[in-house]
Amino acid sequence: MLKLENITKEYLSGDSKVEALKGINIEFRKSEFVSILGPSGCGKTTLLNIIGGLDRYTNGDLSVNR
């Protein structure tokens, strides 16, 4: 099982802060097949990079149970 609770991701762009993810809550069951859909720029790749361990989230909790 994979569980994301209140995940946020912020980037600095010059002097401003960009919120790529805002409070994501999602849970995947063992052996579940899912797809992530959405328009360009909505945070799909950021979310997948966090799930895959390629990027760190700013706040929240990510749990992986076997």
PDB file of N, CA and C in Angstrom:
ATOM      1  N   MET A   1       0.843  -1.176   0.000  1.00  0.00           N
ATOM      2  CA  MET A   1       0.000   0.000   0.000  1.00  0.00           C
ATOM      3  C   MET A   1       0.889   1.241   0.000  1.00  0.00           C
ATOM      4  N   LEU A   2       0.471   2.233  -0.705  1.00  0.00           N
ATOM      5  CA  LEU A   2       1.154   3.523  -0.783  1.00  0.00           C
ATOM      6  C   LEU A   2       0.140   4.594  -0.417  1.00  0.00           C
ATOM      7  N   LYS A   3       0.500   5.436   0.535  1.00  0.00           N
ATOM      8  CA  LYS A   3      -0.440   6.451   1.010  1.00  0.00           C
ATOM      9  C   LYS A   3       0.262   7.804   1.076  1.00  0.00           C
ATOM     10  N   LEU A   4      -0.343   8.806   0.467  1.00  0.00           N
ATOM     11  CA  LEU A   4       0.153  10.174   0.518  1.00  0.00           C
ATOM     12  C   LEU A   4      -0.861  11.005   1.287  1.00  0.00           C
ATOM     13  N   GLU A   5      -0.387  11.720   2.298  1.00  0.00           N
ATOM     14  CA  GLU A   5      -1.271  12.528   3.133  1.00  0.00           C
ATOM     15  C   GLU A   5      -0.802  13.974   3.139  1.00  0.00           C
ATOM     16  N   ASN A   6      -1.650  14.858   2.658  1.00  0.00           N
ATOM     17  CA  ASN A   6      -1.419  16.300   2.663  1.00  0.00           C
ATOM     18  C   ASN A   6      -0.057  16.681   2.065  1.00  0.00           C
ATOM     19  N   ILE A   7       0.285  16.064   0.932  1.00  0.00           N
ATOM     20  CA  ILE A   7       1.560  16.317   0.268  1.00  0.00           C
ATOM     21  C   ILE A   7       1.531  17.665  -0.444  1.00  0.00           C
ATOM     22  N   THR A   8       2.540  18.472  -0.169  1.00  0.00           N
ATOM     23  CA  THR A   8       2.711  19.734  -0.877  1.00  0.00           C
ATOM     24  C   THR A   8       4.117  19.774  -1.454  1.00  0.00           C
ATOM     25  N   LYS A   9       4.266  20.482  -2.553  1.00  0.00           N
ATOM     26  CA  LYS A   9       5.571  20.683  -3.175  1.00  0.00           C
ATOM     27  C   LYS A   9       5.640  22.125  -3.645  1.00  0.00           C
ATOM     28  N   GLU A  10       6.671  22.821  -3.181  1.00  0.00           N
ATOM     29  CA  GLU A  10       6.869  24.218  -3.545  1.00  0.00           C
ATOM     30  C   GLU A  10       8.242  24.385  -4.184  1.00  0.00           C
ATOM     31  N   TYR A  11       8.291  25.197  -5.209  1.00  0.00           N
ATOM     32  CA  TYR A  11       9.539  25.548  -5.886  1.00  0.00           C
ATOM     33  C   TYR A  11       9.750  27.051  -5.759  1.00  0.00           C
ATOM     34  N   LEU A  12      10.992  27.457  -5.705  1.00  0.00           N
ATOM     35  CA  LEU A  12      11.312  28.877  -5.759  1.00  0.00           C
ATOM     36  C   LEU A  12      11.607  29.253  -7.200  1.00  0.00           C
ATOM     37  N   SER A  13      10.980  30.319  -7.655  1.00  0.00           N
ATOM     38  CA  SER A  13      11.198  30.844  -8.995  1.00  0.00           C
ATOM     39  C   SER A  13      11.517  32.328  -8.847  1.00  0.00           C
ATOM     40  N   GLY A  14      12.818  32.641  -8.816  1.00  0.00           N
ATOM     41  CA  GLY A  14      13.215  34.012  -8.535  1.00  0.00           C
ATOM     42  C   GLY A  14      12.872  34.355  -7.098  1.00  0.00           C
ATOM     43  N   ASP A  15      12.084  35.399  -6.916  1.00  0.00           N
ATOM     44  CA  ASP A  15      11.666  35.805  -5.571  1.00  0.00           C
ATOM     45  C   ASP A  15      10.310  35.245  -5.174  1.00  0.00           C
ATOM     46  N   SER A  16       9.665  34.511  -6.071  1.00  0.00           N
ATOM     47  CA  SER A  16       8.326  34.000  -5.770  1.00  0.00           C
ATOM     48  C   SER A  16       8.338  32.492  -5.562  1.00  0.00           C
ATOM     49  N   LYS A  17       7.305  32.022  -4.876  1.00  0.00           N
ATOM     50  CA  LYS A  17       7.133  30.612  -4.571  1.00  0.00           C
ATOM     51  C   LYS A  17       6.030  30.045  -5.465  1.00  0.00           C
ATOM     52  N   VAL A  18       6.305  28.892  -6.099  1.00  0.00           N
ATOM     53  CA  VAL A  18       5.327  28.222  -6.958  1.00  0.00           C
ATOM     54  C   VAL A  18       4.879  26.949  -6.257  1.00  0.00           C
ATOM     55  N   GLU A  19       3.564  26.803  -6.066  1.00  0.00           N
ATOM     56  CA  GLU A  19       3.017  25.596  -5.444  1.00  0.00           C
ATOM     57  C   GLU A  19       2.644  24.600  -6.540  1.00  0.00           C
ATOM     58  N   ALA A  20       3.466  23.560  -6.681  1.00  0.00           N
ATOM     59  CA  ALA A  20       3.209  22.540  -7.699  1.00  0.00           C
ATOM     60  C   ALA A  20       2.149  21.545  -7.227  1.00  0.00           C
ATOM     61  N   LEU A  21       2.166  21.197  -5.943  1.00  0.00           N
ATOM     62  CA  LEU A  21       1.165  20.305  -5.349  1.00  0.00           C
ATOM     63  C   LEU A  21       0.641  20.961  -4.082  1.00  0.00           C
ATOM     64  N   LYS A  22      -0.670  20.903  -3.895  1.00  0.00           N
ATOM     65  CA  LYS A  22      -1.305  21.559  -2.745  1.00  0.00           C
ATOM     66  C   LYS A  22      -2.174  20.567  -1.988  1.00  0.00           C
ATOM     67  N   GLY A  23      -1.628  19.947  -0.977  1.00  0.00           N
ATOM     68  CA  GLY A  23      -2.418  19.082  -0.099  1.00  0.00           C
ATOM     69  C   GLY A  23      -2.984  17.842  -0.761  1.00  0.00           C
ATOM     70  N   ILE A  24      -2.141  17.063  -1.434  1.00  0.00           N
ATOM     71  CA  ILE A  24      -2.583  15.846  -2.124  1.00  0.00           C
ATOM     72  C   ILE A  24      -2.807  14.718  -1.120  1.00  0.00           C
ATOM     73  N   ASN A  25      -3.972  14.099  -1.179  1.00  0.00           N
ATOM     74  CA  ASN A  25      -4.308  12.933  -0.364  1.00  0.00           C
ATOM     75  C   ASN A  25      -4.757  11.827  -1.303  1.00  0.00           C
ATOM     76  N   ILE A  26      -4.000  10.726  -1.317  1.00  0.00           N
ATOM     77  CA  ILE A  26      -4.355   9.609  -2.200  1.00  0.00           C
ATOM     78  C   ILE A  26      -3.781   8.328  -1.616  1.00  0.00           C
ATOM     79  N   GLU A  27      -4.461   7.228  -1.868  1.00  0.00           N
ATOM     80  CA  GLU A  27      -4.025   5.933  -1.358  1.00  0.00           C
ATOM     81  C   GLU A  27      -4.140   4.895  -2.463  1.00  0.00           C
ATOM     82  N   PHE A  28      -3.088   4.113  -2.639  1.00  0.00           N
ATOM     83  CA  PHE A  28      -3.062   3.042  -3.638  1.00  0.00           C
ATOM     84  C   PHE A  28      -3.003   1.704  -2.911  1.00  0.00           C
ATOM     85  N   ARG A  29      -3.876   0.799  -3.287  1.00  0.00           N
ATOM     86  CA  ARG A  29      -3.867  -0.544  -2.695  1.00  0.00           C
ATOM     87  C   ARG A  29      -2.799  -1.400  -3.358  1.00  0.00           C
ATOM     88  N   LYS A  30      -2.424  -2.467  -2.684  1.00  0.00           N
ATOM     89  CA  LYS A  30      -1.443  -3.404  -3.218  1.00  0.00           C
ATOM     90  C   LYS A  30      -1.930  -3.963  -4.560  1.00  0.00           C
ATOM     91  N   SER A  31      -1.056  -3.978  -5.551  1.00  0.00           N
ATOM     92  CA  SER A  31      -1.316  -4.510  -6.898  1.00  0.00           C
ATOM     93  C   SER A  31      -2.386  -3.726  -7.668  1.00  0.00           C
ATOM     94  N   GLU A  32      -2.709  -2.534  -7.227  1.00  0.00           N
ATOM     95  CA  GLU A  32      -3.699  -1.718  -7.922  1.00  0.00           C
ATOM     96  C   GLU A  32      -3.057  -1.047  -9.139  1.00  0.00           C
ATOM     97  N   PHE A  33      -3.756  -1.012 -10.241  1.00  0.00           N
ATOM     98  CA  PHE A  33      -3.300  -0.355 -11.461  1.00  0.00           C
ATOM     99  C   PHE A  33      -4.057   0.957 -11.584  1.00  0.00           C
ATOM    100  N   VAL A  34      -3.329   2.064 -11.682  1.00  0.00           N
ATOM    101  CA  VAL A  34      -3.962   3.382 -11.767  1.00  0.00           C
ATOM    102  C   VAL A  34      -3.339   4.189 -12.894  1.00  0.00           C
ATOM    103  N   SER A  35      -4.053   5.200 -13.331  1.00  0.00           N
ATOM    104  CA  SER A  35      -3.492   6.169 -14.270  1.00  0.00           C
ATOM    105  C   SER A  35      -3.719   7.553 -13.674  1.00  0.00           C
ATOM    106  N   ILE A  36      -2.801   8.452 -13.988  1.00  0.00           N
ATOM    107  CA  ILE A  36      -2.896   9.822 -13.495  1.00  0.00           C
ATOM    108  C   ILE A  36      -3.096  10.724 -14.703  1.00  0.00           C
ATOM    109  N   LEU A  37      -4.236  11.392 -14.733  1.00  0.00           N
ATOM    110  CA  LEU A  37      -4.609  12.227 -15.867  1.00  0.00           C
ATOM    111  C   LEU A  37      -4.786  13.670 -15.436  1.00  0.00           C
ATOM    112  N   GLY A  38      -4.547  14.585 -16.364  1.00  0.00           N
ATOM    113  CA  GLY A  38      -4.779  15.993 -16.084  1.00  0.00           C
ATOM    114  C   GLY A  38      -4.131  16.851 -17.143  1.00  0.00           C
ATOM    115  N   PRO A  39      -4.478  18.112 -17.150  1.00  0.00           N
ATOM    116  CA  PRO A  39      -3.915  19.020 -18.155  1.00  0.00           C
ATOM    117  C   PRO A  39      -2.437  19.305 -17.902  1.00  0.00           C
ATOM    118  N   SER A  40      -1.782  19.833 -18.903  1.00  0.00           N
ATOM    119  CA  SER A  40      -0.380  20.199 -18.802  1.00  0.00           C
ATOM    120  C   SER A  40      -0.169  21.192 -17.665  1.00  0.00           C
ATOM    121  N   GLY A  41       0.849  20.931 -16.857  1.00  0.00           N
ATOM    122  CA  GLY A  41       1.188  21.845 -15.779  1.00  0.00           C
ATOM    123  C   GLY A  41       0.433  21.652 -14.486  1.00  0.00           C
ATOM    124  N   CYS A  42      -0.332  20.562 -14.355  1.00  0.00           N
ATOM    125  CA  CYS A  42      -1.134  20.388 -13.144  1.00  0.00           C
ATOM    126  C   CYS A  42      -0.409  19.626 -12.031  1.00  0.00           C
ATOM    127  N   GLY A  43       0.820  19.111 -12.288  1.00  0.00           N
ATOM    128  CA  GLY A  43       1.588  18.451 -11.233  1.00  0.00           C
ATOM    129  C   GLY A  43       1.713  16.949 -11.355  1.00  0.00           C
ATOM    130  N   LYS A  44       1.315  16.373 -12.489  1.00  0.00           N
ATOM    131  CA  LYS A  44       1.385  14.911 -12.658  1.00  0.00           C
ATOM    132  C   LYS A  44       2.808  14.388 -12.512  1.00  0.00           C
ATOM    133  N   THR A  45       3.749  14.989 -13.228  1.00  0.00           N
ATOM    134  CA  THR A  45       5.135  14.531 -13.190  1.00  0.00           C
ATOM    135  C   THR A  45       5.746  14.765 -11.813  1.00  0.00           C
ATOM    136  N   THR A  46       5.424  15.878 -11.199  1.00  0.00           N
ATOM    137  CA  THR A  46       5.915  16.156  -9.844  1.00  0.00           C
ATOM    138  C   THR A  46       5.429  15.076  -8.884  1.00  0.00           C
ATOM    139  N   LEU A  47       4.159  14.719  -8.970  1.00  0.00           N
ATOM    140  CA  LEU A  47       3.597  13.673  -8.114  1.00  0.00           C
ATOM    141  C   LEU A  47       4.294  12.337  -8.352  1.00  0.00           C
ATOM    142  N   LEU A  48       4.484  11.965  -9.609  1.00  0.00           N
ATOM    143  CA  LEU A  48       5.143  10.693  -9.918  1.00  0.00           C
ATOM    144  C   LEU A  48       6.599  10.690  -9.458  1.00  0.00           C
ATOM    145  N   ASN A  49       7.288  11.819  -9.572  1.00  0.00           N
ATOM    146  CA  ASN A  49       8.668  11.901  -9.099  1.00  0.00           C
ATOM    147  C   ASN A  49       8.754  11.747  -7.586  1.00  0.00           C
ATOM    148  N   ILE A  50       7.785  12.269  -6.870  1.00  0.00           N
ATOM    149  CA  ILE A  50       7.747  12.103  -5.417  1.00  0.00           C
ATOM    150  C   ILE A  50       7.457  10.649  -5.058  1.00  0.00           C
ATOM    151  N   ILE A  51       6.487  10.043  -5.721  1.00  0.00           N
ATOM    152  CA  ILE A  51       6.160   8.634  -5.454  1.00  0.00           C
ATOM    153  C   ILE A  51       7.353   7.741  -5.752  1.00  0.00           C
ATOM    154  N   GLY A  52       8.080   8.033  -6.839  1.00  0.00           N
ATOM    155  CA  GLY A  52       9.230   7.227  -7.229  1.00  0.00           C
ATOM    156  C   GLY A  52      10.502   7.527  -6.464  1.00  0.00           C
ATOM    157  N   GLY A  53      10.469   8.508  -5.563  1.00  0.00           N
ATOM    158  CA  GLY A  53      11.635   8.843  -4.769  1.00  0.00           C
ATOM    159  C   GLY A  53      12.660   9.693  -5.499  1.00  0.00           C
ATOM    160  N   LEU A  54      12.292  10.262  -6.641  1.00  0.00           N
ATOM    161  CA  LEU A  54      13.213  11.093  -7.414  1.00  0.00           C
ATOM    162  C   LEU A  54      13.208  12.547  -6.955  1.00  0.00           C
ATOM    163  N   ASP A  55      12.178  12.933  -6.209  1.00  0.00           N
ATOM    164  CA  ASP A  55      12.038  14.309  -5.743  1.00  0.00           C
ATOM    165  C   ASP A  55      11.517  14.282  -4.310  1.00  0.00           C
ATOM    166  N   ARG A  56      11.815  15.315  -3.553  1.00  0.00           N
ATOM    167  CA  ARG A  56      11.331  15.419  -2.177  1.00  0.00           C
ATOM    168  C   ARG A  56      10.126  16.359  -2.127  1.00  0.00           C
ATOM    169  N   TYR A  57       9.196  16.033  -1.260  1.00  0.00           N
ATOM    170  CA  TYR A  57       8.033  16.892  -1.068  1.00  0.00           C
ATOM    171  C   TYR A  57       8.346  17.915   0.011  1.00  0.00           C
ATOM    172  N   THR A  58       7.633  19.025  -0.004  1.00  0.00           N
ATOM    173  CA  THR A  58       7.874  20.106   0.952  1.00  0.00           C
ATOM    174  C   THR A  58       7.260  19.779   2.309  1.00  0.00           C
ATOM    175  N   ASN A  59       6.017  19.333   2.309  1.00  0.00           N
ATOM    176  CA  ASN A  59       5.306  18.968   3.547  1.00  0.00           C
ATOM    177  C   ASN A  59       4.411  17.767   3.283  1.00  0.00           C
ATOM    178  N   GLY A  60       3.992  17.123   4.353  1.00  0.00           N
ATOM    179  CA  GLY A  60       3.071  16.002   4.252  1.00  0.00           C
ATOM    180  C   GLY A  60       3.726  14.711   4.711  1.00  0.00           C
ATOM    181  N   ASP A  61       3.059  13.617   4.395  1.00  0.00           N
ATOM    182  CA  ASP A  61       3.502  12.287   4.821  1.00  0.00           C
ATOM    183  C   ASP A  61       3.328  11.289   3.691  1.00  0.00           C
ATOM    184  N   LEU A  62       4.338  10.500   3.411  1.00  0.00           N
ATOM    185  CA  LEU A  62       4.274   9.444   2.410  1.00  0.00           C
ATOM    186  C   LEU A  62       4.595   8.132   3.125  1.00  0.00           C
ATOM    187  N   SER A  63       3.685   7.173   3.039  1.00  0.00           N
ATOM    188  CA  SER A  63       3.859   5.883   3.712  1.00  0.00           C
ATOM    189  C   SER A  63       3.846   4.759   2.697  1.00  0.00           C
ATOM    190  N   VAL A  64       4.794   3.831   2.845  1.00  0.00           N
ATOM    191  CA  VAL A  64       4.846   2.643   2.005  1.00  0.00           C
ATOM    192  C   VAL A  64       4.802   1.435   2.924  1.00  0.00           C
ATOM    193  N   ASN A  65       3.785   0.584   2.758  1.00  0.00           N
ATOM    194  CA  ASN A  65       3.660  -0.642   3.536  1.00  0.00           C
ATOM    195  C   ASN A  65       3.642  -1.826   2.595  1.00  0.00           C
ATOM    196  N   ARG A  66       4.239  -2.919   3.016  1.00  0.00           N
ATOM    197  CA  ARG A  66       4.250  -4.135   2.188  1.00  0.00           C
ATOM    198  C   ARG A  66       3.078  -5.004   2.472  1.00  0.00           C
TER     199      ARG A  66
END
